[in-house]
PDB file of N, CA and C in Angstrom:
ATOM      1  N   UNK A   1       0.839  -1.182   0.000  1.00  0.00           N
ATOM      2  CA  UNK A   1       0.000   0.000   0.000  1.00  0.00           C
ATOM      3  C   UNK A   1       0.885   1.248   0.000  1.00  0.00           C
ATOM      4  N   UNK A   2       0.437   2.246  -0.695  1.00  0.00           N
ATOM      5  CA  UNK A   2       1.170   3.499  -0.683  1.00  0.00           C
ATOM      6  C   UNK A   2       0.780   4.310   0.544  1.00  0.00           C
ATOM      7  N   UNK A   3       1.591   5.314   0.846  1.00  0.00           N
ATOM      8  CA  UNK A   3       1.300   6.154   2.001  1.00  0.00           C
ATOM      9  C   UNK A   3      -0.020   6.892   1.822  1.00  0.00           C
ATOM     10  N   UNK A   4      -0.350   7.275   0.595  1.00  0.00           N
ATOM     11  CA  UNK A   4      -1.612   7.969   0.339  1.00  0.00           C
ATOM     12  C   UNK A   4      -2.799   7.052   0.622  1.00  0.00           C
ATOM     13  N   UNK A   5      -2.708   5.799   0.225  1.00  0.00           N
ATOM     14  CA  UNK A   5      -3.775   4.845   0.497  1.00  0.00           C
ATOM     15  C   UNK A   5      -3.946   4.633   1.996  1.00  0.00           C
ATOM     16  N   UNK A   6      -2.834   4.523   2.706  1.00  0.00           N
ATOM     17  CA  UNK A   6      -2.894   4.329   4.148  1.00  0.00           C
ATOM     18  C   UNK A   6      -3.499   5.553   4.823  1.00  0.00           C
ATOM     19  N   UNK A   7      -3.112   6.737   4.367  1.00  0.00           N
ATOM     20  CA  UNK A   7      -3.651   7.973   4.926  1.00  0.00           C
ATOM     21  C   UNK A   7      -5.156   8.053   4.691  1.00  0.00           C
ATOM     22  N   UNK A   8      -5.590   7.732   3.483  1.00  0.00           N
ATOM     23  CA  UNK A   8      -7.020   7.757   3.181  1.00  0.00           C
ATOM     24  C   UNK A   8      -7.791   6.716   3.986  1.00  0.00           C
ATOM     25  N   UNK A   9      -7.219   5.533   4.153  1.00  0.00           N
ATOM     26  CA  UNK A   9      -7.884   4.501   4.953  1.00  0.00           C
ATOM     27  C   UNK A   9      -7.997   4.938   6.406  1.00  0.00           C
ATOM     28  N   UNK A  10      -6.954   5.534   6.940  1.00  0.00           N
ATOM     29  CA  UNK A  10      -7.002   6.031   8.315  1.00  0.00           C
ATOM     30  C   UNK A  10      -8.027   7.138   8.480  1.00  0.00           C
ATOM     31  N   UNK A  11      -8.087   8.027   7.500  1.00  0.00           N
ATOM     32  CA  UNK A  11      -9.091   9.093   7.548  1.00  0.00           C
ATOM     33  C   UNK A  11     -10.505   8.550   7.487  1.00  0.00           C
ATOM     34  N   UNK A  12     -10.726   7.535   6.652  1.00  0.00           N
ATOM     35  CA  UNK A  12     -12.046   6.913   6.552  1.00  0.00           C
ATOM     36  C   UNK A  12     -12.449   6.265   7.869  1.00  0.00           C
ATOM     37  N   UNK A  13     -11.527   5.563   8.487  1.00  0.00           N
ATOM     38  CA  UNK A  13     -11.813   4.943   9.782  1.00  0.00           C
ATOM     39  C   UNK A  13     -12.100   6.019  10.826  1.00  0.00           C
ATOM     40  N   UNK A  14     -11.347   7.114  10.789  1.00  0.00           N
ATOM     41  CA  UNK A  14     -11.593   8.213  11.722  1.00  0.00           C
ATOM     42  C   UNK A  14     -12.978   8.810  11.555  1.00  0.00           C
ATOM     43  N   UNK A  15     -13.397   8.984  10.307  1.00  0.00           N
ATOM     44  CA  UNK A  15     -14.731   9.522  10.032  1.00  0.00           C
ATOM     45  C   UNK A  15     -15.802   8.540  10.513  1.00  0.00           C
ATOM     46  N   UNK A  16     -15.599   7.250  10.265  1.00  0.00           N
ATOM     47  CA  UNK A  16     -16.566   6.252  10.728  1.00  0.00           C
ATOM     48  C   UNK A  16     -16.669   6.234  12.247  1.00  0.00           C
ATOM     49  N   UNK A  17     -15.521   6.291  12.917  1.00  0.00           N
ATOM     50  CA  UNK A  17     -15.527   6.328  14.378  1.00  0.00           C
ATOM     51  C   UNK A  17     -16.282   7.560  14.872  1.00  0.00           C
ATOM     52  N   UNK A  18     -16.057   8.701  14.223  1.00  0.00           N
ATOM     53  CA  UNK A  18     -16.752   9.921  14.619  1.00  0.00           C
ATOM     54  C   UNK A  18     -18.248   9.828  14.377  1.00  0.00           C
ATOM     55  N   UNK A  19     -18.628   9.252  13.236  1.00  0.00           N
ATOM     56  CA  UNK A  19     -20.051   9.119  12.901  1.00  0.00           C
ATOM     57  C   UNK A  19     -20.757   8.171  13.859  1.00  0.00           C
ATOM     58  N   UNK A  20     -20.059   7.122  14.280  1.00  0.00           N
ATOM     59  CA  UNK A  20     -20.650   6.149  15.201  1.00  0.00           C
ATOM     60  C   UNK A  20     -20.453   6.535  16.661  1.00  0.00           C
ATOM     61  N   UNK A  21     -19.738   7.655  16.880  1.00  0.00           N
ATOM     62  CA  UNK A  21     -19.456   8.170  18.229  1.00  0.00           C
ATOM     63  C   UNK A  21     -18.755   7.136  19.107  1.00  0.00           C
ATOM     64  N   UNK A  22     -17.796   6.439  18.507  1.00  0.00           N
ATOM     65  CA  UNK A  22     -16.996   5.459  19.232  1.00  0.00           C
ATOM     66  C   UNK A  22     -15.910   6.223  19.994  1.00  0.00           C
ATOM     67  N   UNK A  23     -15.777   5.939  21.273  1.00  0.00           N
ATOM     68  CA  UNK A  23     -14.738   6.613  22.044  1.00  0.00           C
ATOM     69  C   UNK A  23     -13.415   5.866  21.884  1.00  0.00           C
ATOM     70  N   UNK A  24     -12.351   6.612  21.935  1.00  0.00           N
ATOM     71  CA  UNK A  24     -11.025   6.033  21.790  1.00  0.00           C
ATOM     72  C   UNK A  24     -10.669   5.235  23.034  1.00  0.00           C
ATOM     73  N   UNK A  25     -10.070   4.056  22.867  1.00  0.00           N
ATOM     74  CA  UNK A  25      -9.692   3.258  24.030  1.00  0.00           C
ATOM     75  C   UNK A  25      -8.470   3.821  24.761  1.00  0.00           C
ATOM     76  N   UNK A  26      -7.748   4.728  24.126  1.00  0.00           N
ATOM     77  CA  UNK A  26      -6.549   5.305  24.748  1.00  0.00           C
ATOM     78  C   UNK A  26      -6.654   6.829  24.717  1.00  0.00           C
ATOM     79  N   UNK A  27      -6.110   7.492  25.733  1.00  0.00           N
ATOM     80  CA  UNK A  27      -6.086   8.955  25.696  1.00  0.00           C
ATOM     81  C   UNK A  27      -5.268   9.436  24.495  1.00  0.00           C
ATOM     82  N   UNK A  28      -5.597  10.582  23.926  1.00  0.00           N
ATOM     83  CA  UNK A  28      -4.903  11.051  22.712  1.00  0.00           C
ATOM     84  C   UNK A  28      -3.377  11.062  22.794  1.00  0.00           C
ATOM     85  N   UNK A  29      -2.748  11.536  23.890  1.00  0.00           N
ATOM     86  CA  UNK A  29      -1.268  11.506  23.897  1.00  0.00           C
ATOM     87  C   UNK A  29      -0.706  10.087  23.806  1.00  0.00           C
ATOM     88  N   UNK A  30      -1.341   9.136  24.468  1.00  0.00           N
ATOM     89  CA  UNK A  30      -0.882   7.742  24.424  1.00  0.00           C
ATOM     90  C   UNK A  30      -1.043   7.196  23.008  1.00  0.00           C
ATOM     91  N   UNK A  31      -2.166   7.501  22.380  1.00  0.00           N
ATOM     92  CA  UNK A  31      -2.409   7.028  21.017  1.00  0.00           C
ATOM     93  C   UNK A  31      -1.388   7.617  20.050  1.00  0.00           C
ATOM     94  N   UNK A  32      -1.064   8.900  20.210  1.00  0.00           N
ATOM     95  CA  UNK A  32      -0.091   9.528  19.316  1.00  0.00           C
ATOM     96  C   UNK A  32       1.302   8.934  19.499  1.00  0.00           C
ATOM     97  N   UNK A  33       1.689   8.642  20.727  1.00  0.00           N
ATOM     98  CA  UNK A  33       2.985   8.007  20.951  1.00  0.00           C
ATOM     99  C   UNK A  33       3.007   6.599  20.352  1.00  0.00           C
ATOM    100  N   UNK A  34       1.891   5.899  20.416  1.00  0.00           N
ATOM    101  CA  UNK A  34       1.807   4.579  19.795  1.00  0.00           C
ATOM    102  C   UNK A  34       1.963   4.652  18.286  1.00  0.00           C
ATOM    103  N   UNK A  35       1.301   5.640  17.677  1.00  0.00           N
ATOM    104  CA  UNK A  35       1.439   5.829  16.229  1.00  0.00           C
ATOM    105  C   UNK A  35       2.869   6.208  15.852  1.00  0.00           C
ATOM    106  N   UNK A  36       3.491   7.049  16.656  1.00  0.00           N
ATOM    107  CA  UNK A  36       4.878   7.422  16.407  1.00  0.00           C
ATOM    108  C   UNK A  36       5.784   6.192  16.492  1.00  0.00           C
ATOM    109  N   UNK A  37       5.541   5.338  17.469  1.00  0.00           N
ATOM    110  CA  UNK A  37       6.322   4.111  17.607  1.00  0.00           C
ATOM    111  C   UNK A  37       6.168   3.198  16.405  1.00  0.00           C
ATOM    112  N   UNK A  38       4.939   3.093  15.887  1.00  0.00           N
ATOM    113  CA  UNK A  38       4.719   2.263  14.703  1.00  0.00           C
ATOM    114  C   UNK A  38       5.452   2.834  13.495  1.00  0.00           C
ATOM    115  N   UNK A  39       5.414   4.148  13.346  1.00  0.00           N
ATOM    116  CA  UNK A  39       6.095   4.791  12.223  1.00  0.00           C
ATOM    117  C   UNK A  39       7.603   4.597  12.313  1.00  0.00           C
ATOM    118  N   UNK A  40       8.165   4.790  13.503  1.00  0.00           N
ATOM    119  CA  UNK A  40       9.606   4.588  13.681  1.00  0.00           C
ATOM    120  C   UNK A  40       9.997   3.136  13.457  1.00  0.00           C
ATOM    121  N   UNK A  41       9.190   2.215  13.948  1.00  0.00           N
ATOM    122  CA  UNK A  41       9.466   0.795  13.747  1.00  0.00           C
ATOM    123  C   UNK A  41       9.451   0.416  12.283  1.00  0.00           C
ATOM    124  N   UNK A  42       8.482   0.966  11.547  1.00  0.00           N
ATOM    125  CA  UNK A  42       8.409   0.686  10.115  1.00  0.00           C
ATOM    126  C   UNK A  42       9.626   1.244   9.395  1.00  0.00           C
ATOM    127  N   UNK A  43      10.044   2.440   9.775  1.00  0.00           N
ATOM    128  CA  UNK A  43      11.219   3.048   9.148  1.00  0.00           C
ATOM    129  C   UNK A  43      12.475   2.249   9.439  1.00  0.00           C
ATOM    130  N   UNK A  44      12.624   1.813  10.693  1.00  0.00           N
ATOM    131  CA  UNK A  44      13.804   1.026  11.057  1.00  0.00           C
ATOM    132  C   UNK A  44      13.838  -0.302  10.328  1.00  0.00           C
ATOM    133  N   UNK A  45      12.686  -0.960  10.216  1.00  0.00           N
ATOM    134  CA  UNK A  45      12.656  -2.247   9.519  1.00  0.00           C
ATOM    135  C   UNK A  45      12.974  -2.065   8.041  1.00  0.00           C
ATOM    136  N   UNK A  46      12.504  -0.960   7.461  1.00  0.00           N
ATOM    137  CA  UNK A  46      12.817  -0.688   6.066  1.00  0.00           C
ATOM    138  C   UNK A  46      14.307  -0.455   5.851  1.00  0.00           C
ATOM    139  N   UNK A  47      14.957   0.169   6.829  1.00  0.00           N
ATOM    140  CA  UNK A  47      16.386   0.446   6.726  1.00  0.00           C
ATOM    141  C   UNK A  47      17.205  -0.838   6.944  1.00  0.00           C
ATOM    142  N   UNK A  48      16.738  -1.715   7.824  1.00  0.00           N
ATOM    143  CA  UNK A  48      17.474  -2.946   8.139  1.00  0.00           C
ATOM    144  C   UNK A  48      17.312  -3.984   7.041  1.00  0.00           C
ATOM    145  N   UNK A  49      16.109  -4.118   6.516  1.00  0.00           N
ATOM    146  CA  UNK A  49      15.867  -5.131   5.485  1.00  0.00           C
ATOM    147  C   UNK A  49      16.110  -4.511   4.159  1.00  0.00           C
TER     148      UNK A  49
END
């Protein structure tokens, strides 16, 4: 998947969550740090492999 596809999929899920009024299981700062960790992990794996 390209980054644009991933961004659009994430935005779609965000809109669906908002429309269904689903509350986030994690506080926003914790969620953002988790996303940052996933991004860094993906970058590191791309550099190693």
